[in-house]
């Protein structure tokens, strides 16, 4: 990428020398355009300084997205190597500015862990390591063999099944303990489900979603 500065001087050479000092560059590292030549005038009346434009190259800055992707890949390669897992790492930037990481290969069961707990831990560590020291936080989502999408589908089916039971038996249904991500999936799946409400109860790691029938308003 090119940039330039315009500098004045009593003569063209003086203006050029001043620009080179400001830029800390050599003459052969820049391009020079004479904007206005110096004029001495008559008895200094009508005199004007020289104006030169000095053009120089500025290295292109890597985009923040590209930098985040590089840091993400570097961190995950080191972490997975220490875990003894050889995984393919596919990284892409999402429309919302976040980063999506897809892991694939042998041994993904160890990466996912029980109910995705190991995968959640890897995602948490990656977000912490990559975003540390940055001004703006970029959310990094990590999936392995499409585990999260498959888990979401099963959670939505579970939510709808338990909501139907809550309506049928007219009582609250407590689900198994889930992490915050899975609870969010349940709440979202039922937010427009007519006749039921959801809430979370308990403390981590035993916090769970409870599906209840909505209280009907007495007729006036």
N, C-alpha and C. Protein backbone atom coordinates (compact mmCIF):
# COMPACT_ATOMS: atom_id res chain seq x y z
N UNK A 1 0.84 -1.18 0.00
CA UNK A 1 0.00 0.00 0.00
C UNK A 1 0.88 1.24 0.00
N UNK A 2 0.49 2.24 -0.80
CA UNK A 2 1.28 3.47 -0.90
C UNK A 2 0.72 4.58 -0.03
N UNK A 3 1.60 5.38 0.50
CA UNK A 3 1.22 6.57 1.25
C UNK A 3 2.14 7.69 0.81
N UNK A 4 1.83 8.93 1.21
CA UNK A 4 2.71 10.03 0.81
C UNK A 4 2.63 11.16 1.83
N UNK A 5 3.65 12.01 1.82
CA UNK A 5 3.62 13.25 2.58
C UNK A 5 4.04 14.39 1.64
N UNK A 6 3.53 15.58 1.91
CA UNK A 6 3.95 16.78 1.16
C UNK A 6 4.73 17.68 2.10
N UNK A 7 5.89 18.11 1.63
CA UNK A 7 6.81 18.89 2.45
C UNK A 7 7.24 20.12 1.67
N UNK A 8 7.42 21.23 2.40
CA UNK A 8 7.89 22.47 1.76
C UNK A 8 9.35 22.74 2.14
N UNK A 9 10.03 23.51 1.34
CA UNK A 9 11.41 23.90 1.60
C UNK A 9 11.79 25.06 0.72
N UNK A 10 12.89 25.70 1.05
CA UNK A 10 13.34 26.83 0.24
C UNK A 10 13.64 26.39 -1.18
N UNK A 11 14.16 25.16 -1.30
CA UNK A 11 14.43 24.59 -2.62
C UNK A 11 13.83 23.19 -2.67
N UNK A 12 13.74 22.61 -3.88
CA UNK A 12 13.22 21.27 -4.02
C UNK A 12 14.08 20.27 -3.25
N UNK A 13 15.40 20.42 -3.33
CA UNK A 13 16.29 19.50 -2.66
C UNK A 13 16.16 19.60 -1.14
N UNK A 14 15.95 20.79 -0.65
CA UNK A 14 15.78 20.96 0.80
C UNK A 14 14.49 20.31 1.26
N UNK A 15 13.41 20.44 0.48
CA UNK A 15 12.13 19.83 0.83
C UNK A 15 12.25 18.30 0.81
N UNK A 16 12.95 17.78 -0.21
CA UNK A 16 13.13 16.33 -0.32
C UNK A 16 13.94 15.81 0.87
N UNK A 17 15.01 16.49 1.21
CA UNK A 17 15.85 16.08 2.33
C UNK A 17 15.05 16.08 3.64
N UNK A 18 14.18 17.07 3.81
CA UNK A 18 13.35 17.16 5.01
C UNK A 18 12.39 15.97 5.08
N UNK A 19 11.78 15.62 3.95
CA UNK A 19 10.84 14.49 3.91
C UNK A 19 11.54 13.18 4.24
N UNK A 20 12.74 12.98 3.68
CA UNK A 20 13.48 11.75 3.94
C UNK A 20 13.85 11.61 5.40
N UNK A 21 14.19 12.73 6.03
CA UNK A 21 14.50 12.69 7.47
C UNK A 21 13.27 12.31 8.27
N UNK A 22 12.12 12.88 7.91
CA UNK A 22 10.88 12.56 8.63
C UNK A 22 10.50 11.09 8.49
N UNK A 23 10.72 10.55 7.29
CA UNK A 23 10.34 9.16 7.02
C UNK A 23 11.42 8.16 7.41
N UNK A 24 12.62 8.67 7.64
CA UNK A 24 13.77 7.80 7.91
C UNK A 24 13.98 6.81 6.76
N UNK A 25 13.90 7.34 5.54
CA UNK A 25 14.08 6.52 4.35
C UNK A 25 15.18 7.11 3.48
N UNK A 26 15.67 6.26 2.55
CA UNK A 26 16.67 6.70 1.59
C UNK A 26 15.99 7.16 0.30
N UNK A 27 16.74 7.91 -0.50
CA UNK A 27 16.18 8.49 -1.73
C UNK A 27 15.67 7.40 -2.67
N UNK A 28 16.40 6.29 -2.74
CA UNK A 28 15.98 5.24 -3.68
C UNK A 28 14.82 4.40 -3.16
N UNK A 29 14.31 4.71 -1.95
CA UNK A 29 13.17 3.98 -1.39
C UNK A 29 11.85 4.72 -1.60
N UNK A 30 11.89 5.86 -2.24
CA UNK A 30 10.69 6.68 -2.41
C UNK A 30 10.57 7.15 -3.86
N UNK A 31 9.36 7.63 -4.18
CA UNK A 31 9.13 8.32 -5.46
C UNK A 31 8.83 9.78 -5.14
N UNK A 32 9.30 10.67 -5.99
CA UNK A 32 9.18 12.10 -5.69
C UNK A 32 8.45 12.81 -6.83
N UNK A 33 7.49 13.64 -6.44
CA UNK A 33 6.78 14.49 -7.41
C UNK A 33 6.95 15.94 -6.97
N UNK A 34 7.27 16.79 -7.91
CA UNK A 34 7.38 18.23 -7.61
C UNK A 34 5.99 18.83 -7.76
N UNK A 35 5.43 19.28 -6.65
CA UNK A 35 4.10 19.90 -6.69
C UNK A 35 4.22 21.36 -7.11
N UNK A 36 5.13 22.08 -6.50
CA UNK A 36 5.39 23.47 -6.86
C UNK A 36 6.89 23.72 -6.78
N UNK A 37 7.43 24.36 -7.80
CA UNK A 37 8.84 24.71 -7.76
C UNK A 37 9.03 26.00 -6.97
N UNK A 38 10.19 26.12 -6.33
CA UNK A 38 10.48 27.34 -5.56
C UNK A 38 10.61 28.53 -6.51
N UNK A 39 10.07 29.66 -6.05
CA UNK A 39 10.20 30.90 -6.84
C UNK A 39 10.83 31.96 -5.95
N UNK A 40 11.86 32.60 -6.47
CA UNK A 40 12.57 33.61 -5.68
C UNK A 40 11.89 34.96 -5.71
N UNK A 41 11.19 35.28 -6.80
CA UNK A 41 10.52 36.56 -6.91
C UNK A 41 11.50 37.70 -7.14
N UNK A 42 10.97 38.88 -7.22
CA UNK A 42 11.82 40.06 -7.42
C UNK A 42 11.89 40.80 -6.09
N UNK A 43 13.12 40.92 -5.58
CA UNK A 43 13.34 41.50 -4.26
C UNK A 43 12.47 40.80 -3.21
N UNK A 44 12.39 39.46 -3.39
CA UNK A 44 11.63 38.58 -2.49
C UNK A 44 10.11 38.78 -2.57
N UNK A 45 9.67 39.69 -3.44
CA UNK A 45 8.23 39.87 -3.61
C UNK A 45 7.72 38.79 -4.54
N UNK A 46 6.70 38.07 -4.08
CA UNK A 46 6.16 36.98 -4.89
C UNK A 46 6.93 35.68 -4.74
N UNK A 47 7.87 35.64 -3.79
CA UNK A 47 8.64 34.41 -3.56
C UNK A 47 7.74 33.35 -2.91
N UNK A 48 7.96 32.08 -3.26
CA UNK A 48 7.21 30.98 -2.65
C UNK A 48 8.12 29.76 -2.53
N UNK A 49 7.91 28.94 -1.49
CA UNK A 49 8.77 27.77 -1.29
C UNK A 49 8.43 26.64 -2.26
N UNK A 50 9.31 25.70 -2.33
CA UNK A 50 9.06 24.49 -3.13
C UNK A 50 8.17 23.54 -2.32
N UNK A 51 7.31 22.84 -3.05
CA UNK A 51 6.45 21.82 -2.42
C UNK A 51 6.67 20.51 -3.16
N UNK A 52 7.05 19.46 -2.42
CA UNK A 52 7.26 18.16 -3.04
C UNK A 52 6.37 17.12 -2.36
N UNK A 53 5.97 16.16 -3.15
CA UNK A 53 5.20 15.01 -2.63
C UNK A 53 6.11 13.79 -2.67
N UNK A 54 6.32 13.18 -1.52
CA UNK A 54 7.20 12.01 -1.43
C UNK A 54 6.32 10.78 -1.16
N UNK A 55 6.36 9.84 -2.08
CA UNK A 55 5.50 8.65 -2.03
C UNK A 55 6.33 7.46 -1.54
N UNK A 56 5.80 6.70 -0.59
CA UNK A 56 6.53 5.57 -0.04
C UNK A 56 5.59 4.41 0.20
N UNK A 57 6.16 3.22 0.31
CA UNK A 57 5.37 2.00 0.50
C UNK A 57 5.16 1.74 1.98
N UNK A 58 3.92 1.33 2.33
CA UNK A 58 3.58 0.95 3.70
C UNK A 58 3.13 -0.51 3.67
N UNK A 59 3.73 -1.39 4.48
CA UNK A 59 3.30 -2.80 4.47
C UNK A 59 1.82 -2.91 4.81
N UNK A 60 1.12 -3.77 4.07
CA UNK A 60 -0.29 -4.00 4.37
C UNK A 60 -0.43 -4.67 5.72
N UNK A 61 -1.34 -4.15 6.52
CA UNK A 61 -1.61 -4.77 7.82
C UNK A 61 -2.49 -5.98 7.62
N UNK A 62 -2.21 -7.10 8.30
CA UNK A 62 -3.09 -8.26 8.18
C UNK A 62 -4.44 -7.93 8.78
N UNK A 63 -5.50 -8.44 8.16
CA UNK A 63 -6.83 -8.18 8.70
C UNK A 63 -6.96 -8.84 10.06
N UNK A 64 -7.82 -8.22 10.91
CA UNK A 64 -8.01 -8.77 12.26
C UNK A 64 -8.54 -10.19 12.19
N UNK A 65 -9.49 -10.39 11.20
CA UNK A 65 -10.04 -11.73 11.07
C UNK A 65 -8.97 -12.75 10.75
N UNK A 66 -8.08 -12.40 9.78
CA UNK A 66 -7.01 -13.32 9.43
C UNK A 66 -6.07 -13.57 10.59
N UNK A 67 -5.78 -12.54 11.36
CA UNK A 67 -4.90 -12.68 12.51
C UNK A 67 -5.52 -13.60 13.56
N UNK A 68 -6.81 -13.44 13.81
CA UNK A 68 -7.52 -14.28 14.77
C UNK A 68 -7.49 -15.73 14.31
N UNK A 69 -7.71 -15.95 13.02
CA UNK A 69 -7.69 -17.31 12.50
C UNK A 69 -6.31 -17.95 12.67
N UNK A 70 -5.26 -17.18 12.41
CA UNK A 70 -3.90 -17.71 12.57
C UNK A 70 -3.62 -18.07 14.02
N UNK A 71 -4.01 -17.18 14.94
CA UNK A 71 -3.80 -17.45 16.37
C UNK A 71 -4.61 -18.66 16.83
N UNK A 72 -5.84 -18.79 16.30
CA UNK A 72 -6.68 -19.93 16.67
C UNK A 72 -6.06 -21.23 16.21
N UNK A 73 -5.60 -21.25 14.96
CA UNK A 73 -4.99 -22.47 14.42
C UNK A 73 -3.72 -22.83 15.20
N UNK A 74 -2.90 -21.83 15.47
CA UNK A 74 -1.65 -22.08 16.19
C UNK A 74 -1.92 -22.65 17.58
N UNK A 75 -2.87 -22.07 18.30
CA UNK A 75 -3.18 -22.54 19.65
C UNK A 75 -3.74 -23.97 19.61
N UNK A 76 -4.67 -24.23 18.71
CA UNK A 76 -5.29 -25.56 18.65
C UNK A 76 -4.29 -26.63 18.23
N UNK A 77 -3.42 -26.29 17.30
CA UNK A 77 -2.40 -27.28 16.89
C UNK A 77 -1.54 -27.67 18.08
N UNK A 78 -1.15 -26.70 18.88
CA UNK A 78 -0.34 -27.00 20.06
C UNK A 78 -1.11 -27.79 21.10
N UNK A 79 -2.36 -27.41 21.34
CA UNK A 79 -3.18 -28.09 22.35
C UNK A 79 -3.47 -29.53 21.94
N UNK A 80 -3.89 -29.73 20.70
CA UNK A 80 -4.22 -31.07 20.23
C UNK A 80 -2.98 -31.97 20.19
N UNK A 81 -1.84 -31.37 19.87
CA UNK A 81 -0.59 -32.15 19.87
C UNK A 81 -0.28 -32.67 21.26
N UNK A 82 -0.49 -31.82 22.27
CA UNK A 82 -0.25 -32.25 23.65
C UNK A 82 -1.25 -33.31 24.09
N UNK A 83 -2.45 -33.28 23.50
CA UNK A 83 -3.47 -34.29 23.82
C UNK A 83 -3.25 -35.58 23.05
N UNK A 84 -2.29 -35.57 22.12
CA UNK A 84 -2.02 -36.76 21.32
C UNK A 84 -3.06 -37.02 20.25
N UNK A 85 -3.72 -35.95 19.79
CA UNK A 85 -4.78 -36.09 18.79
C UNK A 85 -4.33 -35.44 17.48
N UNK A 86 -4.41 -36.19 16.39
CA UNK A 86 -4.08 -35.66 15.07
C UNK A 86 -5.39 -35.33 14.37
N UNK A 87 -5.74 -34.06 14.34
CA UNK A 87 -7.03 -33.65 13.79
C UNK A 87 -6.84 -32.66 12.66
N UNK A 88 -7.74 -32.70 11.69
CA UNK A 88 -7.78 -31.69 10.64
C UNK A 88 -8.53 -30.48 11.20
N UNK A 89 -7.98 -29.29 11.00
CA UNK A 89 -8.57 -28.07 11.55
C UNK A 89 -9.04 -27.17 10.40
N UNK A 90 -10.34 -27.02 10.27
CA UNK A 90 -10.91 -26.12 9.26
C UNK A 90 -11.46 -24.89 9.97
N UNK A 91 -11.03 -23.71 9.55
CA UNK A 91 -11.43 -22.46 10.20
C UNK A 91 -12.03 -21.51 9.17
N UNK A 92 -13.15 -20.90 9.54
CA UNK A 92 -13.77 -19.90 8.67
C UNK A 92 -14.35 -18.78 9.52
N UNK A 93 -14.44 -17.60 8.92
CA UNK A 93 -15.04 -16.45 9.60
C UNK A 93 -16.53 -16.42 9.30
N UNK A 94 -17.34 -16.28 10.32
CA UNK A 94 -18.79 -16.24 10.17
C UNK A 94 -19.25 -14.83 9.79
N UNK A 95 -20.49 -14.75 9.32
CA UNK A 95 -21.04 -13.46 8.90
C UNK A 95 -21.08 -12.45 10.04
N UNK A 96 -21.26 -12.94 11.28
CA UNK A 96 -21.34 -12.02 12.42
C UNK A 96 -19.97 -11.62 12.96
N UNK A 97 -18.90 -12.04 12.27
CA UNK A 97 -17.55 -11.68 12.69
C UNK A 97 -16.89 -12.71 13.58
N UNK A 98 -17.65 -13.68 14.04
CA UNK A 98 -17.08 -14.75 14.87
C UNK A 98 -16.29 -15.73 14.02
N UNK A 99 -15.67 -16.68 14.69
CA UNK A 99 -14.87 -17.70 14.00
C UNK A 99 -15.43 -19.08 14.28
N UNK A 100 -15.59 -19.88 13.24
CA UNK A 100 -16.09 -21.25 13.37
C UNK A 100 -14.97 -22.23 13.05
N UNK A 101 -14.73 -23.16 13.99
CA UNK A 101 -13.69 -24.17 13.82
C UNK A 101 -14.33 -25.55 13.74
N UNK A 102 -13.98 -26.31 12.71
CA UNK A 102 -14.47 -27.67 12.56
C UNK A 102 -13.28 -28.62 12.68
N UNK A 103 -13.36 -29.54 13.64
CA UNK A 103 -12.31 -30.54 13.83
C UNK A 103 -12.79 -31.87 13.28
N UNK A 104 -11.90 -32.59 12.62
CA UNK A 104 -12.27 -33.90 12.08
C UNK A 104 -11.05 -34.81 12.09
N UNK A 105 -11.32 -36.11 12.07
CA UNK A 105 -10.23 -37.08 12.08
C UNK A 105 -10.50 -38.19 13.08
N UNK A 106 -9.51 -39.04 13.28
CA UNK A 106 -9.65 -40.14 14.24
C UNK A 106 -9.56 -39.60 15.66
N UNK A 107 -10.21 -40.30 16.58
CA UNK A 107 -10.12 -39.92 17.98
C UNK A 107 -10.95 -38.72 18.37
N UNK A 108 -12.00 -38.43 17.60
CA UNK A 108 -12.83 -37.28 17.93
C UNK A 108 -13.67 -37.52 19.19
N UNK A 109 -13.88 -38.80 19.53
CA UNK A 109 -14.62 -39.11 20.76
C UNK A 109 -13.92 -38.52 21.98
N UNK A 110 -12.59 -38.58 22.00
CA UNK A 110 -11.83 -38.02 23.11
C UNK A 110 -11.90 -36.51 23.11
N UNK A 111 -12.01 -35.91 21.94
CA UNK A 111 -12.12 -34.46 21.83
C UNK A 111 -13.49 -33.98 22.33
N UNK A 112 -14.52 -34.76 22.01
CA UNK A 112 -15.88 -34.36 22.39
C UNK A 112 -16.12 -34.58 23.88
N UNK A 113 -15.76 -35.77 24.38
CA UNK A 113 -15.96 -36.07 25.79
C UNK A 113 -17.41 -36.35 26.13
N UNK A 114 -17.66 -36.63 27.40
CA UNK A 114 -19.01 -36.95 27.84
C UNK A 114 -19.92 -35.73 27.69
N UNK A 115 -20.98 -35.89 26.89
CA UNK A 115 -21.94 -34.82 26.64
C UNK A 115 -21.25 -33.53 26.20
N UNK A 116 -20.13 -33.67 25.48
CA UNK A 116 -19.46 -32.50 24.92
C UNK A 116 -18.65 -31.69 25.91
N UNK A 117 -18.40 -32.24 27.11
CA UNK A 117 -17.70 -31.48 28.15
C UNK A 117 -16.26 -31.14 27.75
N UNK A 118 -15.56 -32.10 27.13
CA UNK A 118 -14.18 -31.83 26.71
C UNK A 118 -14.15 -30.79 25.58
N UNK A 119 -15.09 -30.91 24.66
CA UNK A 119 -15.19 -29.94 23.56
C UNK A 119 -15.46 -28.54 24.11
N UNK A 120 -16.34 -28.45 25.10
CA UNK A 120 -16.63 -27.15 25.73
C UNK A 120 -15.38 -26.57 26.38
N UNK A 121 -14.60 -27.43 27.04
CA UNK A 121 -13.38 -26.97 27.70
C UNK A 121 -12.37 -26.47 26.67
N UNK A 122 -12.24 -27.17 25.55
CA UNK A 122 -11.32 -26.76 24.49
C UNK A 122 -11.76 -25.41 23.92
N UNK A 123 -13.06 -25.26 23.73
CA UNK A 123 -13.58 -24.00 23.21
C UNK A 123 -13.32 -22.86 24.18
N UNK A 124 -13.52 -23.11 25.47
CA UNK A 124 -13.28 -22.08 26.48
C UNK A 124 -11.80 -21.68 26.51
N UNK A 125 -10.91 -22.65 26.50
CA UNK A 125 -9.48 -22.37 26.53
C UNK A 125 -9.04 -21.59 25.30
N UNK A 126 -9.57 -21.98 24.14
CA UNK A 126 -9.20 -21.31 22.89
C UNK A 126 -9.66 -19.85 22.90
N UNK A 127 -10.89 -19.61 23.34
CA UNK A 127 -11.39 -18.24 23.41
C UNK A 127 -10.53 -17.40 24.35
N UNK A 128 -10.15 -17.99 25.48
CA UNK A 128 -9.33 -17.24 26.45
C UNK A 128 -7.95 -16.92 25.87
N UNK A 129 -7.32 -17.92 25.27
CA UNK A 129 -5.96 -17.74 24.77
C UNK A 129 -5.90 -16.78 23.59
N UNK A 130 -6.83 -16.90 22.67
CA UNK A 130 -6.79 -16.10 21.45
C UNK A 130 -7.20 -14.65 21.72
N UNK A 131 -8.17 -14.45 22.61
CA UNK A 131 -8.67 -13.09 22.86
C UNK A 131 -7.88 -12.34 23.92
N UNK A 132 -6.98 -13.01 24.60
CA UNK A 132 -6.21 -12.36 25.66
C UNK A 132 -5.38 -11.22 25.08
N UNK A 133 -5.54 -10.04 25.63
CA UNK A 133 -4.76 -8.89 25.20
C UNK A 133 -5.31 -8.15 24.00
N UNK A 134 -6.46 -8.60 23.44
CA UNK A 134 -7.05 -7.92 22.30
C UNK A 134 -8.09 -6.91 22.78
N UNK A 135 -8.30 -5.86 21.99
CA UNK A 135 -9.25 -4.83 22.38
C UNK A 135 -10.69 -5.29 22.19
N UNK A 136 -10.95 -6.02 21.11
CA UNK A 136 -12.30 -6.52 20.84
C UNK A 136 -12.30 -8.04 20.88
N UNK A 137 -13.27 -8.60 21.60
CA UNK A 137 -13.34 -10.04 21.75
C UNK A 137 -14.04 -10.68 20.55
N UNK A 138 -13.44 -11.72 20.02
CA UNK A 138 -14.03 -12.48 18.92
C UNK A 138 -14.47 -13.84 19.46
N UNK A 139 -15.76 -14.17 19.26
CA UNK A 139 -16.24 -15.46 19.76
C UNK A 139 -15.81 -16.57 18.81
N UNK A 140 -15.21 -17.60 19.38
CA UNK A 140 -14.73 -18.75 18.60
C UNK A 140 -15.56 -19.97 18.97
N UNK A 141 -16.26 -20.52 17.98
CA UNK A 141 -17.06 -21.73 18.18
C UNK A 141 -16.28 -22.92 17.64
N UNK A 142 -16.23 -23.99 18.43
CA UNK A 142 -15.48 -25.18 18.02
C UNK A 142 -16.41 -26.38 18.01
N UNK A 143 -16.40 -27.11 16.91
CA UNK A 143 -17.22 -28.32 16.77
C UNK A 143 -16.33 -29.46 16.28
N UNK A 144 -16.77 -30.68 16.54
CA UNK A 144 -16.02 -31.86 16.10
C UNK A 144 -17.00 -32.86 15.50
N UNK A 145 -16.77 -33.22 14.25
CA UNK A 145 -17.62 -34.17 13.54
C UNK A 145 -19.10 -33.80 13.65
N UNK A 146 -19.39 -32.49 13.58
CA UNK A 146 -20.77 -31.97 13.63
C UNK A 146 -21.50 -32.36 14.91
N UNK A 147 -20.74 -32.55 15.99
CA UNK A 147 -21.37 -32.95 17.26
C UNK A 147 -22.41 -31.92 17.71
N UNK A 148 -22.06 -30.65 17.65
CA UNK A 148 -22.96 -29.63 18.20
C UNK A 148 -24.28 -29.56 17.44
N UNK A 149 -24.21 -29.62 16.11
CA UNK A 149 -25.46 -29.56 15.35
C UNK A 149 -26.32 -30.79 15.61
N UNK A 150 -25.68 -31.97 15.73
CA UNK A 150 -26.44 -33.19 16.04
C UNK A 150 -27.02 -33.11 17.44
N UNK A 151 -26.23 -32.57 18.39
CA UNK A 151 -26.71 -32.43 19.76
C UNK A 151 -27.86 -31.44 19.83
N UNK A 152 -27.76 -30.35 19.07
CA UNK A 152 -28.85 -29.38 19.04
C UNK A 152 -30.14 -30.02 18.56
N UNK A 153 -30.04 -30.82 17.50
CA UNK A 153 -31.23 -31.47 16.97
C UNK A 153 -31.87 -32.39 18.00
N UNK A 154 -31.03 -33.15 18.72
CA UNK A 154 -31.58 -34.07 19.73
C UNK A 154 -32.16 -33.29 20.91
N UNK A 155 -31.56 -32.15 21.26
CA UNK A 155 -32.09 -31.34 22.36
C UNK A 155 -33.42 -30.71 21.99
N UNK A 156 -33.55 -30.26 20.74
CA UNK A 156 -34.83 -29.69 20.30
C UNK A 156 -35.92 -30.75 20.34
N UNK A 157 -35.60 -31.96 19.89
CA UNK A 157 -36.59 -33.04 19.93
C UNK A 157 -36.96 -33.36 21.38
N UNK A 158 -35.96 -33.38 22.27
CA UNK A 158 -36.22 -33.64 23.69
C UNK A 158 -37.11 -32.54 24.27
N UNK A 159 -36.81 -31.28 23.94
CA UNK A 159 -37.58 -30.16 24.47
C UNK A 159 -39.04 -30.26 24.06
N UNK A 160 -39.28 -30.56 22.80
CA UNK A 160 -40.65 -30.65 22.31
C UNK A 160 -41.38 -31.85 22.93
N UNK A 161 -40.68 -32.95 23.10
CA UNK A 161 -41.28 -34.14 23.71
C UNK A 161 -41.68 -33.86 25.16
N UNK A 162 -40.79 -33.22 25.92
CA UNK A 162 -41.07 -32.94 27.33
C UNK A 162 -42.13 -31.85 27.48
N UNK A 163 -42.18 -30.91 26.55
CA UNK A 163 -43.22 -29.89 26.57
C UNK A 163 -44.59 -30.52 26.35
N UNK A 164 -44.65 -31.47 25.43
CA UNK A 164 -45.91 -32.18 25.18
C UNK A 164 -46.35 -32.94 26.42
N UNK A 165 -45.40 -33.55 27.13
CA UNK A 165 -45.72 -34.28 28.36
C UNK A 165 -46.23 -33.32 29.45
N UNK A 166 -45.56 -32.15 29.55
CA UNK A 166 -45.98 -31.16 30.56
C UNK A 166 -47.43 -30.74 30.32
N UNK A 167 -47.80 -30.56 29.05
CA UNK A 167 -49.17 -30.17 28.74
C UNK A 167 -50.14 -31.32 28.97
N UNK A 168 -49.71 -32.52 28.63
CA UNK A 168 -50.60 -33.69 28.77
C UNK A 168 -50.90 -33.99 30.22
N UNK A 169 -49.87 -33.97 31.07
CA UNK A 169 -50.05 -34.35 32.47
C UNK A 169 -50.26 -33.15 33.40
N UNK A 170 -50.20 -31.93 32.78
CA UNK A 170 -50.41 -30.70 33.54
C UNK A 170 -49.48 -30.59 34.74
N UNK A 171 -48.22 -30.89 34.54
CA UNK A 171 -47.23 -30.75 35.62
C UNK A 171 -45.87 -30.37 35.03
N UNK A 172 -45.01 -29.86 35.89
CA UNK A 172 -43.67 -29.43 35.46
C UNK A 172 -42.78 -30.63 35.18
N UNK A 173 -41.92 -30.49 34.18
CA UNK A 173 -40.99 -31.55 33.80
C UNK A 173 -39.55 -31.01 33.94
N UNK A 174 -38.77 -31.63 34.80
CA UNK A 174 -37.37 -31.22 35.00
C UNK A 174 -36.47 -32.08 34.11
N UNK A 175 -35.62 -31.44 33.34
CA UNK A 175 -34.69 -32.16 32.46
C UNK A 175 -33.41 -32.49 33.22
N UNK A 176 -32.55 -33.29 32.60
CA UNK A 176 -31.27 -33.64 33.20
C UNK A 176 -30.38 -32.41 33.29
N UNK A 177 -29.39 -32.39 34.18
CA UNK A 177 -28.48 -31.24 34.27
C UNK A 177 -27.79 -30.99 32.92
N UNK A 178 -27.68 -29.73 32.55
CA UNK A 178 -27.06 -29.35 31.28
C UNK A 178 -26.18 -28.13 31.47
N UNK A 179 -25.22 -27.97 30.55
CA UNK A 179 -24.40 -26.76 30.60
C UNK A 179 -25.20 -25.58 30.04
N UNK A 180 -24.62 -24.38 30.13
CA UNK A 180 -25.36 -23.17 29.74
C UNK A 180 -25.73 -23.18 28.26
N UNK A 181 -24.86 -23.72 27.42
CA UNK A 181 -25.14 -23.77 25.99
C UNK A 181 -26.36 -24.65 25.71
N UNK A 182 -26.42 -25.82 26.33
CA UNK A 182 -27.53 -26.74 26.10
C UNK A 182 -28.83 -26.20 26.68
N UNK A 183 -28.74 -25.54 27.83
CA UNK A 183 -29.95 -24.92 28.40
C UNK A 183 -30.49 -23.84 27.47
N UNK A 184 -29.57 -23.09 26.87
CA UNK A 184 -29.97 -22.05 25.94
C UNK A 184 -30.72 -22.65 24.75
N UNK A 185 -30.25 -23.79 24.25
CA UNK A 185 -30.93 -24.45 23.14
C UNK A 185 -32.36 -24.83 23.53
N UNK A 186 -32.54 -25.35 24.74
CA UNK A 186 -33.87 -25.74 25.21
C UNK A 186 -34.79 -24.52 25.32
N UNK A 187 -34.28 -23.46 25.97
CA UNK A 187 -35.09 -22.25 26.12
C UNK A 187 -35.51 -21.69 24.77
N UNK A 188 -34.56 -21.65 23.82
CA UNK A 188 -34.84 -21.10 22.49
C UNK A 188 -35.86 -21.95 21.74
N UNK A 189 -35.73 -23.28 21.86
CA UNK A 189 -36.63 -24.20 21.15
C UNK A 189 -38.08 -24.04 21.61
N UNK A 190 -38.28 -23.66 22.88
CA UNK A 190 -39.63 -23.59 23.44
C UNK A 190 -40.15 -22.17 23.65
N UNK A 191 -39.38 -21.18 23.21
CA UNK A 191 -39.81 -19.81 23.49
C UNK A 191 -41.13 -19.45 22.83
N UNK A 192 -41.46 -20.11 21.71
CA UNK A 192 -42.74 -19.86 21.04
C UNK A 192 -43.67 -21.07 21.11
N UNK A 193 -43.35 -22.00 22.00
CA UNK A 193 -44.19 -23.20 22.15
C UNK A 193 -45.39 -22.83 23.02
N UNK A 194 -46.56 -22.90 22.43
CA UNK A 194 -47.76 -22.41 23.12
C UNK A 194 -48.11 -23.27 24.33
N UNK A 195 -48.35 -22.60 25.44
CA UNK A 195 -48.84 -23.28 26.63
C UNK A 195 -47.79 -23.64 27.66
N UNK A 196 -46.51 -23.45 27.35
CA UNK A 196 -45.46 -23.81 28.32
C UNK A 196 -44.50 -22.65 28.53
N UNK A 197 -43.84 -22.67 29.67
CA UNK A 197 -42.75 -21.73 29.97
C UNK A 197 -41.55 -22.54 30.43
N UNK A 198 -40.37 -21.94 30.34
CA UNK A 198 -39.16 -22.63 30.80
C UNK A 198 -38.40 -21.74 31.77
N UNK A 199 -37.69 -22.36 32.67
CA UNK A 199 -36.79 -21.65 33.57
C UNK A 199 -35.66 -22.59 33.95
N UNK A 200 -34.57 -22.03 34.43
CA UNK A 200 -33.43 -22.84 34.90
C UNK A 200 -33.38 -22.80 36.41
N UNK A 201 -33.03 -23.92 37.01
CA UNK A 201 -32.97 -24.00 38.46
C UNK A 201 -31.74 -24.81 38.87
N UNK A 202 -31.29 -24.58 40.12
CA UNK A 202 -30.12 -25.30 40.62
C UNK A 202 -28.84 -24.53 40.40
N UNK A 203 -27.73 -25.11 40.83
CA UNK A 203 -26.41 -24.49 40.68
C UNK A 203 -25.52 -25.39 39.86
N UNK A 204 -24.56 -24.77 39.19
CA UNK A 204 -23.61 -25.55 38.38
C UNK A 204 -22.83 -26.52 39.26
N UNK A 205 -22.54 -27.73 38.76
CA UNK A 205 -22.81 -28.25 37.42
C UNK A 205 -24.15 -28.99 37.32
N UNK A 206 -25.02 -28.80 38.30
CA UNK A 206 -26.31 -29.51 38.30
C UNK A 206 -27.49 -28.62 37.95
N UNK A 207 -27.22 -27.53 37.24
CA UNK A 207 -28.30 -26.63 36.85
C UNK A 207 -29.08 -27.27 35.70
N UNK A 208 -30.40 -27.18 35.76
CA UNK A 208 -31.24 -27.85 34.77
C UNK A 208 -32.41 -26.97 34.36
N UNK A 209 -33.04 -27.33 33.24
CA UNK A 209 -34.21 -26.61 32.74
C UNK A 209 -35.47 -27.30 33.25
N UNK A 210 -36.43 -26.49 33.68
CA UNK A 210 -37.74 -27.00 34.08
C UNK A 210 -38.78 -26.45 33.12
N UNK A 211 -39.58 -27.35 32.56
CA UNK A 211 -40.64 -26.96 31.63
C UNK A 211 -41.96 -27.03 32.37
N UNK A 212 -42.69 -25.93 32.39
CA UNK A 212 -43.94 -25.87 33.15
C UNK A 212 -45.08 -25.40 32.26
N UNK A 213 -46.30 -25.77 32.66
CA UNK A 213 -47.49 -25.28 31.96
C UNK A 213 -47.72 -23.82 32.34
N UNK A 214 -48.12 -23.05 31.38
CA UNK A 214 -48.47 -21.67 31.68
C UNK A 214 -49.76 -21.63 32.48
N UNK A 215 -49.79 -20.74 33.44
CA UNK A 215 -51.00 -20.59 34.24
C UNK A 215 -52.04 -19.88 33.38
N UNK A 216 -53.23 -20.46 33.32
CA UNK A 216 -54.29 -19.85 32.54
C UNK A 216 -54.97 -18.76 33.35
N UNK A 217 -55.25 -17.65 32.69
CA UNK A 217 -55.90 -16.54 33.36
C UNK A 217 -57.38 -16.83 33.55
N UNK A 218 -57.93 -16.56 34.72
CA UNK A 218 -59.37 -16.80 34.94
C UNK A 218 -60.20 -15.90 34.03
N UNK A 219 -61.26 -16.46 33.53
CA UNK A 219 -62.12 -15.69 32.64
C UNK A 219 -62.89 -14.64 33.42
N UNK A 220 -62.98 -13.46 32.85
CA UNK A 220 -63.69 -12.38 33.52
C UNK A 220 -65.19 -12.48 33.20
